[in-house]
């Protein structure tokens, strides 16, 4: 083994390449890689999570509204259903606000990416 090959293998191993793969790369049996590549400059990552429940809420709201129209005779169910409708309307408005806030955050990150 030549001293140049040994040096290349050592550099690759020090860079984290497994020895067997480093030897194959050094003897030319594998495609070459950039052996001087180093890690990143210490960047950062941002993780945003958003779950959109608006369509589910709208489906339940529509189903409830439709069921109220079919049987307006039952008074206690009518009161309960009206209460549920009000709760669903509030939840739907909150989902709209969450969606807007999420999109605003994404737009701000696109305009001013973290360092």
C-alpha atoms as a PDB file:
ATOM      1  CA  UNK A   1       0.000   0.000   0.000  1.00  0.00           C
ATOM      2  CA  UNK A   2       1.456   3.373  -0.933  1.00  0.00           C
ATOM      3  CA  UNK A   3       1.855   6.144   1.635  1.00  0.00           C
ATOM      4  CA  UNK A   4      -0.514   8.374  -0.417  1.00  0.00           C
ATOM      5  CA  UNK A   5      -3.254   5.757  -0.274  1.00  0.00           C
ATOM      6  CA  UNK A   6      -2.714   5.250   3.442  1.00  0.00           C
ATOM      7  CA  UNK A   7      -2.989   8.992   3.995  1.00  0.00           C
ATOM      8  CA  UNK A   8      -6.256   9.170   2.029  1.00  0.00           C
ATOM      9  CA  UNK A   9      -7.734   6.218   3.932  1.00  0.00           C
ATOM     10  CA  UNK A  10      -6.723   7.771   7.249  1.00  0.00           C
ATOM     11  CA  UNK A  11      -8.317  11.085   6.287  1.00  0.00           C
ATOM     12  CA  UNK A  12     -11.541   9.347   5.314  1.00  0.00           C
ATOM     13  CA  UNK A  13     -11.623   7.282   8.505  1.00  0.00           C
ATOM     14  CA  UNK A  14     -11.009  10.426  10.586  1.00  0.00           C
ATOM     15  CA  UNK A  15     -13.899  12.074   8.735  1.00  0.00           C
ATOM     16  CA  UNK A  16     -16.176   9.224   9.837  1.00  0.00           C
ATOM     17  CA  UNK A  17     -16.141   6.956   6.771  1.00  0.00           C
ATOM     18  CA  UNK A  18     -16.013   3.243   7.703  1.00  0.00           C
ATOM     19  CA  UNK A  19     -12.537   1.791   7.041  1.00  0.00           C
ATOM     20  CA  UNK A  20     -13.744  -0.784   4.475  1.00  0.00           C
ATOM     21  CA  UNK A  21     -15.522   1.928   2.485  1.00  0.00           C
ATOM     22  CA  UNK A  22     -12.540   4.283   2.816  1.00  0.00           C
ATOM     23  CA  UNK A  23     -10.247   1.641   1.344  1.00  0.00           C
ATOM     24  CA  UNK A  24     -12.581   1.058  -1.600  1.00  0.00           C
ATOM     25  CA  UNK A  25     -12.817   4.784  -2.233  1.00  0.00           C
ATOM     26  CA  UNK A  26      -9.034   5.203  -2.014  1.00  0.00           C
ATOM     27  CA  UNK A  27      -8.306   2.433  -4.535  1.00  0.00           C
ATOM     28  CA  UNK A  28     -10.847   3.829  -6.994  1.00  0.00           C
ATOM     29  CA  UNK A  29     -13.317   0.944  -6.905  1.00  0.00           C
ATOM     30  CA  UNK A  30     -16.056   3.240  -5.578  1.00  0.00           C
ATOM     31  CA  UNK A  31     -17.039   6.673  -6.845  1.00  0.00           C
ATOM     32  CA  UNK A  32     -14.958   9.370  -5.223  1.00  0.00           C
ATOM     33  CA  UNK A  33     -16.321  11.675  -2.598  1.00  0.00           C
ATOM     34  CA  UNK A  34     -15.242  15.072  -1.416  1.00  0.00           C
ATOM     35  CA  UNK A  35     -12.810  14.114   1.344  1.00  0.00           C
ATOM     36  CA  UNK A  36     -12.419  17.690   2.505  1.00  0.00           C
ATOM     37  CA  UNK A  37     -16.102  18.165   3.288  1.00  0.00           C
ATOM     38  CA  UNK A  38     -16.772  19.381   6.788  1.00  0.00           C
ATOM     39  CA  UNK A  39     -19.864  19.894   8.869  1.00  0.00           C
ATOM     40  CA  UNK A  40     -22.198  22.822   8.568  1.00  0.00           C
ATOM     41  CA  UNK A  41     -21.626  26.239  10.023  1.00  0.00           C
ATOM     42  CA  UNK A  42     -23.748  25.679  13.102  1.00  0.00           C
ATOM     43  CA  UNK A  43     -27.144  26.381  11.569  1.00  0.00           C
ATOM     44  CA  UNK A  44     -30.440  26.019  13.334  1.00  0.00           C
ATOM     45  CA  UNK A  45     -33.707  24.282  12.683  1.00  0.00           C
ATOM     46  CA  UNK A  46     -37.267  25.337  13.337  1.00  0.00           C
ATOM     47  CA  UNK A  47     -40.029  22.821  13.737  1.00  0.00           C
ATOM     48  CA  UNK A  48     -43.610  23.982  13.327  1.00  0.00           C
ATOM     49  CA  UNK A  49     -46.552  21.665  13.783  1.00  0.00           C
ATOM     50  CA  UNK A  50     -50.121  22.467  12.853  1.00  0.00           C
ATOM     51  CA  UNK A  51     -53.114  20.165  12.763  1.00  0.00           C
ATOM     52  CA  UNK A  52     -56.043  21.493  10.779  1.00  0.00           C
ATOM     53  CA  UNK A  53     -59.317  20.337  12.301  1.00  0.00           C
ATOM     54  CA  UNK A  54     -61.469  22.842  10.456  1.00  0.00           C
ATOM     55  CA  UNK A  55     -62.801  20.374   7.884  1.00  0.00           C
ATOM     56  CA  UNK A  56     -63.744  17.872  10.617  1.00  0.00           C
ATOM     57  CA  UNK A  57     -65.469  20.581  12.637  1.00  0.00           C
ATOM     58  CA  UNK A  58     -67.346  21.765   9.552  1.00  0.00           C
ATOM     59  CA  UNK A  59     -68.496  18.216   8.819  1.00  0.00           C
ATOM     60  CA  UNK A  60     -69.808  17.723  12.370  1.00  0.00           C
ATOM     61  CA  UNK A  61     -71.392  21.184  12.312  1.00  0.00           C
ATOM     62  CA  UNK A  62     -73.172  20.437   9.033  1.00  0.00           C
ATOM     63  CA  UNK A  63     -74.353  17.030  10.260  1.00  0.00           C
ATOM     64  CA  UNK A  64     -75.681  18.538  13.490  1.00  0.00           C
ATOM     65  CA  UNK A  65     -77.386  21.388  11.657  1.00  0.00           C
ATOM     66  CA  UNK A  66     -79.006  18.906   9.275  1.00  0.00           C
ATOM     67  CA  UNK A  67     -80.219  16.668  12.120  1.00  0.00           C
ATOM     68  CA  UNK A  68     -81.779  19.662  13.895  1.00  0.00           C
ATOM     69  CA  UNK A  69     -83.790  20.510  10.796  1.00  0.00           C
ATOM     70  CA  UNK A  70     -85.209  16.970  10.609  1.00  0.00           C
ATOM     71  CA  UNK A  71     -86.611  16.713  14.146  1.00  0.00           C
ATOM     72  CA  UNK A  72     -87.491  20.079  15.670  1.00  0.00           C
ATOM     73  CA  UNK A  73     -90.070  18.498  18.036  1.00  0.00           C
ATOM     74  CA  UNK A  74     -87.728  17.174  20.722  1.00  0.00           C
ATOM     75  CA  UNK A  75     -87.120  20.188  22.997  1.00  0.00           C
ATOM     76  CA  UNK A  76     -84.274  18.867  25.146  1.00  0.00           C
ATOM     77  CA  UNK A  77     -82.340  17.630  22.122  1.00  0.00           C
ATOM     78  CA  UNK A  78     -82.928  20.951  20.393  1.00  0.00           C
ATOM     79  CA  UNK A  79     -81.399  22.880  23.310  1.00  0.00           C
ATOM     80  CA  UNK A  80     -78.436  20.493  23.462  1.00  0.00           C
ATOM     81  CA  UNK A  81     -77.915  20.687  19.713  1.00  0.00           C
ATOM     82  CA  UNK A  82     -78.045  24.480  19.742  1.00  0.00           C
ATOM     83  CA  UNK A  83     -75.431  24.481  22.499  1.00  0.00           C
ATOM     84  CA  UNK A  84     -73.249  22.110  20.469  1.00  0.00           C
ATOM     85  CA  UNK A  85     -73.666  24.301  17.397  1.00  0.00           C
ATOM     86  CA  UNK A  86     -72.470  27.335  19.346  1.00  0.00           C
ATOM     87  CA  UNK A  87     -69.469  25.372  20.637  1.00  0.00           C
ATOM     88  CA  UNK A  88     -68.618  24.151  17.134  1.00  0.00           C
ATOM     89  CA  UNK A  89     -68.892  27.681  15.736  1.00  0.00           C
ATOM     90  CA  UNK A  90     -66.443  28.901  18.370  1.00  0.00           C
ATOM     91  CA  UNK A  91     -64.054  26.022  17.647  1.00  0.00           C
ATOM     92  CA  UNK A  92     -64.240  26.739  13.908  1.00  0.00           C
ATOM     93  CA  UNK A  93     -63.362  30.398  14.497  1.00  0.00           C
ATOM     94  CA  UNK A  94     -60.406  29.350  16.669  1.00  0.00           C
ATOM     95  CA  UNK A  95     -59.207  26.983  13.933  1.00  0.00           C
ATOM     96  CA  UNK A  96     -59.288  29.848  11.445  1.00  0.00           C
ATOM     97  CA  UNK A  97     -57.152  31.925  13.818  1.00  0.00           C
ATOM     98  CA  UNK A  98     -54.705  29.045  14.364  1.00  0.00           C
ATOM     99  CA  UNK A  99     -54.387  28.539  10.611  1.00  0.00           C
ATOM    100  CA  UNK A 100     -53.744  32.240  10.068  1.00  0.00           C
ATOM    101  CA  UNK A 101     -51.147  32.325  12.869  1.00  0.00           C
ATOM    102  CA  UNK A 102     -49.404  29.258  11.455  1.00  0.00           C
ATOM    103  CA  UNK A 103     -49.267  30.720   7.958  1.00  0.00           C
ATOM    104  CA  UNK A 104     -48.012  34.040   9.361  1.00  0.00           C
ATOM    105  CA  UNK A 105     -45.210  32.188  11.180  1.00  0.00           C
ATOM    106  CA  UNK A 106     -44.252  30.298   8.018  1.00  0.00           C
ATOM    107  CA  UNK A 107     -44.218  33.519   6.003  1.00  0.00           C
ATOM    108  CA  UNK A 108     -42.056  35.278   8.615  1.00  0.00           C
ATOM    109  CA  UNK A 109     -39.605  32.381   8.614  1.00  0.00           C
ATOM    110  CA  UNK A 110     -39.436  32.469   4.811  1.00  0.00           C
ATOM    111  CA  UNK A 111     -38.722  36.203   4.882  1.00  0.00           C
ATOM    112  CA  UNK A 112     -36.236  36.057   7.792  1.00  0.00           C
ATOM    113  CA  UNK A 113     -34.746  32.557   8.014  1.00  0.00           C
ATOM    114  CA  UNK A 114     -32.998  31.724  11.302  1.00  0.00           C
ATOM    115  CA  UNK A 115     -29.234  32.028  11.352  1.00  0.00           C
END
